[in-house]
């Protein structure tokens, strides 16, 4: 779901470039969306508590294939993650947490820091959206095509149609639109990671259009497809 919390906006001058890493094998967070999380592992509970007491920032990263052999250690990560800020968190009686994390910006992992805490940390650089100059006509065409393609698959998510209809009726930048659609679309997490890693907004929109057309074609062959939105809590 989209967030309208102004106090959660991102300011470069407040960012140190150092992040806490929350790696998962099955979740890709995008800017502009709100992700529910259920945090139960001790190391990530400590990560959450540390973040909540300071800048509230957490970088959600995707584990590369083969992570099962070293999950308790430091298995390899994809190089682009999403920096998020804790919007709300609630400690349950058993010591676990329910969290809402707002996606802020793409970040590229530059260097993982030597372990000083149970959780992982890294130095990162912020990756801003890039719009190729002098291509306003292409921008408008991509925006229209992406919106139309998404509207065709929107009936597959009836529980979210009203909310997403309202979202699509707003004057949303193409970069934001690609991120929201990428987040809610039911595709493989590695495809989502490819979309997250693409900072060229035009190219990202073109890749996303291919996925939308594929989803529409798959649904035409298999009408029992089910989409869940808003997403359920993701457990670490």
C-alpha atoms as a PDB file:
ATOM      1  CA  UNK A   1       0.000   0.000   0.000  1.00  0.00           C
ATOM      2  CA  UNK A   2       1.131   3.553  -0.585  1.00  0.00           C
ATOM      3  CA  UNK A   3       2.212   5.753   2.289  1.00  0.00           C
ATOM      4  CA  UNK A   4       1.323   9.406   2.774  1.00  0.00           C
ATOM      5  CA  UNK A   5       3.365   9.951   5.917  1.00  0.00           C
ATOM      6  CA  UNK A   6       5.285  13.184   5.393  1.00  0.00           C
ATOM      7  CA  UNK A   7       7.497  12.593   8.434  1.00  0.00           C
ATOM      8  CA  UNK A   8       8.937   9.499   6.727  1.00  0.00           C
ATOM      9  CA  UNK A   9      10.444  11.398   3.811  1.00  0.00           C
ATOM     10  CA  UNK A  10      14.092  10.799   2.945  1.00  0.00           C
ATOM     11  CA  UNK A  11      16.704  13.549   3.259  1.00  0.00           C
ATOM     12  CA  UNK A  12      20.221  13.041   1.915  1.00  0.00           C
ATOM     13  CA  UNK A  13      21.725  15.318   4.530  1.00  0.00           C
ATOM     14  CA  UNK A  14      20.502  13.002   7.285  1.00  0.00           C
ATOM     15  CA  UNK A  15      21.874   9.808   5.725  1.00  0.00           C
ATOM     16  CA  UNK A  16      25.282   8.516   6.794  1.00  0.00           C
ATOM     17  CA  UNK A  17      25.624   5.955   4.009  1.00  0.00           C
ATOM     18  CA  UNK A  18      25.794   3.144   6.559  1.00  0.00           C
ATOM     19  CA  UNK A  19      22.848   0.732   6.739  1.00  0.00           C
ATOM     20  CA  UNK A  20      21.636  -2.252   8.686  1.00  0.00           C
ATOM     21  CA  UNK A  21      21.008  -5.153   6.310  1.00  0.00           C
ATOM     22  CA  UNK A  22      17.889  -7.269   6.582  1.00  0.00           C
ATOM     23  CA  UNK A  23      18.388 -10.002   3.957  1.00  0.00           C
ATOM     24  CA  UNK A  24      15.554 -12.339   3.002  1.00  0.00           C
ATOM     25  CA  UNK A  25      15.266 -14.994   0.282  1.00  0.00           C
ATOM     26  CA  UNK A  26      11.691 -14.256  -0.770  1.00  0.00           C
ATOM     27  CA  UNK A  27      11.045 -10.511  -0.579  1.00  0.00           C
ATOM     28  CA  UNK A  28      12.015  -7.495  -2.688  1.00  0.00           C
ATOM     29  CA  UNK A  29      10.976  -4.129  -1.296  1.00  0.00           C
ATOM     30  CA  UNK A  30      10.471  -1.135  -3.604  1.00  0.00           C
ATOM     31  CA  UNK A  31      10.440   2.606  -2.944  1.00  0.00           C
ATOM     32  CA  UNK A  32       7.037   4.227  -2.308  1.00  0.00           C
ATOM     33  CA  UNK A  33       5.355   1.121  -0.845  1.00  0.00           C
ATOM     34  CA  UNK A  34       4.665  -0.140   2.666  1.00  0.00           C
ATOM     35  CA  UNK A  35       5.753  -3.660   3.618  1.00  0.00           C
ATOM     36  CA  UNK A  36       4.451  -5.536   6.680  1.00  0.00           C
ATOM     37  CA  UNK A  37       7.086  -7.676   8.411  1.00  0.00           C
ATOM     38  CA  UNK A  38       6.977 -10.136  11.277  1.00  0.00           C
ATOM     39  CA  UNK A  39      10.415 -10.139  12.911  1.00  0.00           C
ATOM     40  CA  UNK A  40      11.248 -13.106  15.111  1.00  0.00           C
ATOM     41  CA  UNK A  41      14.925 -14.075  14.692  1.00  0.00           C
ATOM     42  CA  UNK A  42      16.994 -12.728  17.626  1.00  0.00           C
ATOM     43  CA  UNK A  43      19.539 -11.007  15.354  1.00  0.00           C
ATOM     44  CA  UNK A  44      16.822  -9.178  13.450  1.00  0.00           C
ATOM     45  CA  UNK A  45      14.955  -8.278  16.616  1.00  0.00           C
ATOM     46  CA  UNK A  46      18.183  -6.621  17.766  1.00  0.00           C
ATOM     47  CA  UNK A  47      18.491  -4.941  14.349  1.00  0.00           C
ATOM     48  CA  UNK A  48      14.965  -3.564  14.663  1.00  0.00           C
ATOM     49  CA  UNK A  49      15.508  -2.316  18.202  1.00  0.00           C
ATOM     50  CA  UNK A  50      18.755  -0.616  17.177  1.00  0.00           C
ATOM     51  CA  UNK A  51      17.073   1.070  14.208  1.00  0.00           C
ATOM     52  CA  UNK A  52      14.019   2.134  16.210  1.00  0.00           C
ATOM     53  CA  UNK A  53      16.251   3.911  18.724  1.00  0.00           C
ATOM     54  CA  UNK A  54      18.163   5.896  16.078  1.00  0.00           C
ATOM     55  CA  UNK A  55      17.455   6.679  12.405  1.00  0.00           C
ATOM     56  CA  UNK A  56      14.771   3.984  11.859  1.00  0.00           C
ATOM     57  CA  UNK A  57      16.517   2.911   8.622  1.00  0.00           C
ATOM     58  CA  UNK A  58      16.777  -0.684   7.407  1.00  0.00           C
ATOM     59  CA  UNK A  59      17.944  -1.915   3.985  1.00  0.00           C
ATOM     60  CA  UNK A  60      15.993  -4.896   2.681  1.00  0.00           C
ATOM     61  CA  UNK A  61      18.293  -7.071   0.548  1.00  0.00           C
ATOM     62  CA  UNK A  62      17.645 -10.236  -1.450  1.00  0.00           C
ATOM     63  CA  UNK A  63      19.738 -13.340  -0.803  1.00  0.00           C
ATOM     64  CA  UNK A  64      21.352 -14.913  -3.860  1.00  0.00           C
ATOM     65  CA  UNK A  65      20.581 -18.543  -4.756  1.00  0.00           C
ATOM     66  CA  UNK A  66      22.418 -21.022  -2.546  1.00  0.00           C
ATOM     67  CA  UNK A  67      21.777 -19.052   0.638  1.00  0.00           C
ATOM     68  CA  UNK A  68      20.466 -22.188   2.363  1.00  0.00           C
ATOM     69  CA  UNK A  69      24.025 -23.463   2.929  1.00  0.00           C
ATOM     70  CA  UNK A  70      24.969 -20.447   5.065  1.00  0.00           C
ATOM     71  CA  UNK A  71      21.760 -18.745   6.185  1.00  0.00           C
ATOM     72  CA  UNK A  72      22.994 -18.246   9.751  1.00  0.00           C
ATOM     73  CA  UNK A  73      26.198 -16.653   8.450  1.00  0.00           C
ATOM     74  CA  UNK A  74      26.747 -14.088   5.686  1.00  0.00           C
ATOM     75  CA  UNK A  75      25.488 -15.597   2.408  1.00  0.00           C
ATOM     76  CA  UNK A  76      25.931 -13.477  -0.757  1.00  0.00           C
ATOM     77  CA  UNK A  77      23.423 -10.734  -1.538  1.00  0.00           C
ATOM     78  CA  UNK A  78      22.280  -9.045  -4.721  1.00  0.00           C
ATOM     79  CA  UNK A  79      24.033  -5.709  -5.058  1.00  0.00           C
ATOM     80  CA  UNK A  80      20.949  -3.437  -5.093  1.00  0.00           C
ATOM     81  CA  UNK A  81      18.701  -3.235  -2.047  1.00  0.00           C
ATOM     82  CA  UNK A  82      15.884  -0.951  -0.930  1.00  0.00           C
ATOM     83  CA  UNK A  83      16.397   1.439   1.939  1.00  0.00           C
ATOM     84  CA  UNK A  84      13.338   1.590   4.166  1.00  0.00           C
ATOM     85  CA  UNK A  85      12.242   3.496   7.232  1.00  0.00           C
ATOM     86  CA  UNK A  86      10.248   2.017  10.102  1.00  0.00           C
ATOM     87  CA  UNK A  87       6.778   3.584   9.994  1.00  0.00           C
ATOM     88  CA  UNK A  88       5.367   1.652  12.952  1.00  0.00           C
ATOM     89  CA  UNK A  89       6.445  -1.299  15.065  1.00  0.00           C
ATOM     90  CA  UNK A  90       4.735  -3.279  17.781  1.00  0.00           C
ATOM     91  CA  UNK A  91       6.374  -5.682  20.232  1.00  0.00           C
ATOM     92  CA  UNK A  92       4.343  -8.809  20.907  1.00  0.00           C
ATOM     93  CA  UNK A  93       4.195 -10.718  24.191  1.00  0.00           C
ATOM     94  CA  UNK A  94       6.674 -13.321  22.947  1.00  0.00           C
ATOM     95  CA  UNK A  95       9.272 -10.656  22.134  1.00  0.00           C
ATOM     96  CA  UNK A  96       8.747 -10.723  18.368  1.00  0.00           C
ATOM     97  CA  UNK A  97       7.710  -7.645  16.400  1.00  0.00           C
ATOM     98  CA  UNK A  98       5.182  -6.643  13.786  1.00  0.00           C
ATOM     99  CA  UNK A  99       6.580  -3.850  11.640  1.00  0.00           C
ATOM    100  CA  UNK A 100       5.497  -1.596   8.788  1.00  0.00           C
ATOM    101  CA  UNK A 101       8.469  -0.561   6.675  1.00  0.00           C
ATOM    102  CA  UNK A 102       8.215   2.223   4.086  1.00  0.00           C
ATOM    103  CA  UNK A 103      10.445   1.847   1.022  1.00  0.00           C
ATOM    104  CA  UNK A 104      12.461   5.019   0.439  1.00  0.00           C
ATOM    105  CA  UNK A 105      15.256   4.655  -2.134  1.00  0.00           C
ATOM    106  CA  UNK A 106      17.276   2.141  -4.089  1.00  0.00           C
ATOM    107  CA  UNK A 107      20.762   1.671  -2.666  1.00  0.00           C
ATOM    108  CA  UNK A 108      23.811  -0.079  -4.097  1.00  0.00           C
ATOM    109  CA  UNK A 109      25.917  -2.097  -1.686  1.00  0.00           C
ATOM    110  CA  UNK A 110      29.491  -0.821  -1.821  1.00  0.00           C
ATOM    111  CA  UNK A 111      31.148  -2.665   1.033  1.00  0.00           C
ATOM    112  CA  UNK A 112      29.894  -4.955   3.740  1.00  0.00           C
ATOM    113  CA  UNK A 113      31.315  -3.983   7.113  1.00  0.00           C
ATOM    114  CA  UNK A 114      33.154  -6.320   9.431  1.00  0.00           C
ATOM    115  CA  UNK A 115      30.737  -7.917  11.889  1.00  0.00           C
ATOM    116  CA  UNK A 116      30.346  -5.873  15.055  1.00  0.00           C
ATOM    117  CA  UNK A 117      26.761  -6.854  15.850  1.00  0.00           C
ATOM    118  CA  UNK A 118      24.686 -10.016  15.331  1.00  0.00           C
ATOM    119  CA  UNK A 119      23.158  -8.409  12.221  1.00  0.00           C
ATOM    120  CA  UNK A 120      24.934  -7.369   9.023  1.00  0.00           C
ATOM    121  CA  UNK A 121      25.824  -3.785   8.057  1.00  0.00           C
ATOM    122  CA  UNK A 122      27.118  -2.173   4.875  1.00  0.00           C
ATOM    123  CA  UNK A 123      28.157   1.071   3.249  1.00  0.00           C
ATOM    124  CA  UNK A 124      25.864   1.998   0.363  1.00  0.00           C
ATOM    125  CA  UNK A 125      25.239   4.680  -2.217  1.00  0.00           C
ATOM    126  CA  UNK A 126      21.771   5.981  -3.032  1.00  0.00           C
ATOM    127  CA  UNK A 127      20.588   5.320  -6.598  1.00  0.00           C
ATOM    128  CA  UNK A 128      18.156   7.924  -7.882  1.00  0.00           C
ATOM    129  CA  UNK A 129      15.814   7.341 -10.821  1.00  0.00           C
ATOM    130  CA  UNK A 130      17.249   8.396 -14.175  1.00  0.00           C
ATOM    131  CA  UNK A 131      15.043   9.765 -16.923  1.00  0.00           C
ATOM    132  CA  UNK A 132      16.802   9.969 -20.335  1.00  0.00           C
ATOM    133  CA  UNK A 133      16.728  13.628 -21.424  1.00  0.00           C
ATOM    134  CA  UNK A 134      14.716  14.903 -24.358  1.00  0.00           C
ATOM    135  CA  UNK A 135      12.302  11.963 -24.495  1.00  0.00           C
ATOM    136  CA  UNK A 136       9.092  13.429 -23.109  1.00  0.00           C
ATOM    137  CA  UNK A 137       6.981  11.798 -25.834  1.00  0.00           C
ATOM    138  CA  UNK A 138       8.410   8.367 -25.010  1.00  0.00           C
ATOM    139  CA  UNK A 139       7.846   9.053 -21.310  1.00  0.00           C
ATOM    140  CA  UNK A 140       4.166   9.806 -21.875  1.00  0.00           C
ATOM    141  CA  UNK A 141       3.744   6.782 -24.146  1.00  0.00           C
ATOM    142  CA  UNK A 142       5.368   4.412 -21.630  1.00  0.00           C
ATOM    143  CA  UNK A 143       3.222   5.824 -18.837  1.00  0.00           C
ATOM    144  CA  UNK A 144       0.042   5.240 -20.849  1.00  0.00           C
ATOM    145  CA  UNK A 145       1.032   1.739 -21.986  1.00  0.00           C
ATOM    146  CA  UNK A 146       2.095   0.675 -18.498  1.00  0.00           C
ATOM    147  CA  UNK A 147      -1.073   1.986 -16.896  1.00  0.00           C
ATOM    148  CA  UNK A 148      -3.272   0.309 -19.553  1.00  0.00           C
ATOM    149  CA  UNK A 149      -1.423  -3.016 -19.194  1.00  0.00           C
ATOM    150  CA  UNK A 150      -1.756  -2.939 -15.421  1.00  0.00           C
ATOM    151  CA  UNK A 151      -5.458  -2.161 -15.639  1.00  0.00           C
ATOM    152  CA  UNK A 152      -5.881  -5.364 -17.649  1.00  0.00           C
ATOM    153  CA  UNK A 153      -4.428  -7.519 -14.854  1.00  0.00           C
ATOM    154  CA  UNK A 154      -5.988  -5.501 -12.027  1.00  0.00           C
ATOM    155  CA  UNK A 155      -9.175  -7.654 -12.015  1.00  0.00           C
ATOM    156  CA  UNK A 156      -6.948 -10.530 -10.863  1.00  0.00           C
ATOM    157  CA  UNK A 157      -6.659  -8.665  -7.553  1.00  0.00           C
ATOM    158  CA  UNK A 158     -10.320  -7.915  -6.718  1.00  0.00           C
ATOM    159  CA  UNK A 159      -9.619  -7.277  -3.021  1.00  0.00           C
ATOM    160  CA  UNK A 160      -7.296  -4.417  -3.988  1.00  0.00           C
ATOM    161  CA  UNK A 161      -9.015  -3.051  -7.078  1.00  0.00           C
ATOM    162  CA  UNK A 162     -10.628  -0.039  -5.409  1.00  0.00           C
ATOM    163  CA  UNK A 163      -7.403   1.047  -3.714  1.00  0.00           C
ATOM    164  CA  UNK A 164      -5.299   0.575  -6.847  1.00  0.00           C
ATOM    165  CA  UNK A 165      -7.927   2.285  -9.011  1.00  0.00           C
ATOM    166  CA  UNK A 166      -7.617   5.350  -6.765  1.00  0.00           C
ATOM    167  CA  UNK A 167      -3.853   5.118  -6.984  1.00  0.00           C
ATOM    168  CA  UNK A 168      -3.860   4.960 -10.769  1.00  0.00           C
ATOM    169  CA  UNK A 169      -6.157   7.972 -10.973  1.00  0.00           C
ATOM    170  CA  UNK A 170      -3.472  10.197  -9.428  1.00  0.00           C
ATOM    171  CA  UNK A 171      -0.832  12.072 -11.402  1.00  0.00           C
ATOM    172  CA  UNK A 172       1.976   9.678 -10.520  1.00  0.00           C
ATOM    173  CA  UNK A 173       5.486   9.892 -11.984  1.00  0.00           C
ATOM    174  CA  UNK A 174       6.491   6.972 -14.188  1.00  0.00           C
ATOM    175  CA  UNK A 175       9.244   5.903 -11.781  1.00  0.00           C
ATOM    176  CA  UNK A 176       6.822   5.667  -8.888  1.00  0.00           C
ATOM    177  CA  UNK A 177       4.255   3.848 -11.030  1.00  0.00           C
ATOM    178  CA  UNK A 178       6.817   1.215 -12.059  1.00  0.00           C
ATOM    179  CA  UNK A 179       7.785   0.644  -8.431  1.00  0.00           C
ATOM    180  CA  UNK A 180       4.214   0.223  -7.191  1.00  0.00           C
ATOM    181  CA  UNK A 181       3.298  -2.134 -10.030  1.00  0.00           C
ATOM    182  CA  UNK A 182       6.549  -4.113  -9.646  1.00  0.00           C
ATOM    183  CA  UNK A 183       5.803  -4.579  -5.963  1.00  0.00           C
ATOM    184  CA  UNK A 184       2.234  -5.853  -6.314  1.00  0.00           C
ATOM    185  CA  UNK A 185       2.791  -7.969  -9.419  1.00  0.00           C
ATOM    186  CA  UNK A 186       3.049 -11.717  -8.770  1.00  0.00           C
ATOM    187  CA  UNK A 187       6.360 -12.548 -10.471  1.00  0.00           C
ATOM    188  CA  UNK A 188       9.550 -14.308  -9.381  1.00  0.00           C
ATOM    189  CA  UNK A 189      11.620 -12.457  -6.779  1.00  0.00           C
ATOM    190  CA  UNK A 190      14.649 -12.520  -9.091  1.00  0.00           C
ATOM    191  CA  UNK A 191      12.620 -10.690 -11.725  1.00  0.00           C
ATOM    192  CA  UNK A 192      11.610  -8.186  -9.066  1.00  0.00           C
ATOM    193  CA  UNK A 193      15.280  -7.753  -8.155  1.00  0.00           C
ATOM    194  CA  UNK A 194      16.068  -7.015 -11.815  1.00  0.00           C
ATOM    195  CA  UNK A 195      13.385  -4.320 -11.797  1.00  0.00           C
ATOM    196  CA  UNK A 196      14.709  -2.892  -8.541  1.00  0.00           C
ATOM    197  CA  UNK A 197      18.251  -2.805  -9.940  1.00  0.00           C
ATOM    198  CA  UNK A 198      17.231  -0.842 -13.049  1.00  0.00           C
ATOM    199  CA  UNK A 199      17.605   2.898 -12.393  1.00  0.00           C
ATOM    200  CA  UNK A 200      16.806   3.897 -15.991  1.00  0.00           C
ATOM    201  CA  UNK A 201      13.079   4.523 -15.623  1.00  0.00           C
ATOM    202  CA  UNK A 202      12.326   4.037 -19.320  1.00  0.00           C
ATOM    203  CA  UNK A 203      14.109   0.687 -19.403  1.00  0.00           C
ATOM    204  CA  UNK A 204      12.421  -0.357 -16.147  1.00  0.00           C
ATOM    205  CA  UNK A 205       9.012   0.461 -17.616  1.00  0.00           C
ATOM    206  CA  UNK A 206       9.788  -1.570 -20.740  1.00  0.00           C
ATOM    207  CA  UNK A 207      10.855  -4.593 -18.653  1.00  0.00           C
ATOM    208  CA  UNK A 208       7.755  -4.287 -16.516  1.00  0.00           C
ATOM    209  CA  UNK A 209       5.521  -4.123 -19.576  1.00  0.00           C
ATOM    210  CA  UNK A 210       6.961  -7.457 -20.711  1.00  0.00           C
ATOM    211  CA  UNK A 211       6.066  -9.001 -17.362  1.00  0.00           C
ATOM    212  CA  UNK A 212       2.549  -7.565 -17.430  1.00  0.00           C
ATOM    213  CA  UNK A 213       1.928  -8.982 -20.895  1.00  0.00           C
ATOM    214  CA  UNK A 214       3.254 -12.351 -19.726  1.00  0.00           C
ATOM    215  CA  UNK A 215       0.987 -12.344 -16.658  1.00  0.00           C
ATOM    216  CA  UNK A 216      -2.010 -11.472 -18.826  1.00  0.00           C
ATOM    217  CA  UNK A 217      -1.176 -14.311 -21.232  1.00  0.00           C
ATOM    218  CA  UNK A 218      -0.703 -16.809 -18.390  1.00  0.00           C
ATOM    219  CA  UNK A 219      -4.032 -15.830 -16.868  1.00  0.00           C
ATOM    220  CA  UNK A 220      -5.736 -16.324 -20.208  1.00  0.00           C
ATOM    221  CA  UNK A 221      -4.476 -19.930 -20.125  1.00  0.00           C
ATOM    222  CA  UNK A 222      -5.063 -20.499 -16.426  1.00  0.00           C
ATOM    223  CA  UNK A 223      -7.995 -18.570 -14.987  1.00  0.00           C
ATOM    224  CA  UNK A 224      -7.456 -19.821 -11.442  1.00  0.00           C
ATOM    225  CA  UNK A 225      -4.502 -17.516 -10.750  1.00  0.00           C
ATOM    226  CA  UNK A 226      -4.765 -15.752  -7.404  1.00  0.00           C
ATOM    227  CA  UNK A 227      -3.072 -12.491  -6.426  1.00  0.00           C
ATOM    228  CA  UNK A 228      -2.783 -11.237  -2.875  1.00  0.00           C
ATOM    229  CA  UNK A 229      -2.838  -7.503  -2.180  1.00  0.00           C
ATOM    230  CA  UNK A 230      -2.108  -5.929   0.205  1.00  0.00           C
ATOM    231  CA  UNK A 231       0.631  -8.466   0.912  1.00  0.00           C
ATOM    232  CA  UNK A 232       0.540 -10.539   4.055  1.00  0.00           C
ATOM    233  CA  UNK A 233       3.158 -10.058   6.763  1.00  0.00           C
ATOM    234  CA  UNK A 234       6.514 -11.391   5.581  1.00  0.00           C
ATOM    235  CA  UNK A 235       8.289 -13.453   8.209  1.00  0.00           C
ATOM    236  CA  UNK A 236      12.059 -13.295   8.447  1.00  0.00           C
END
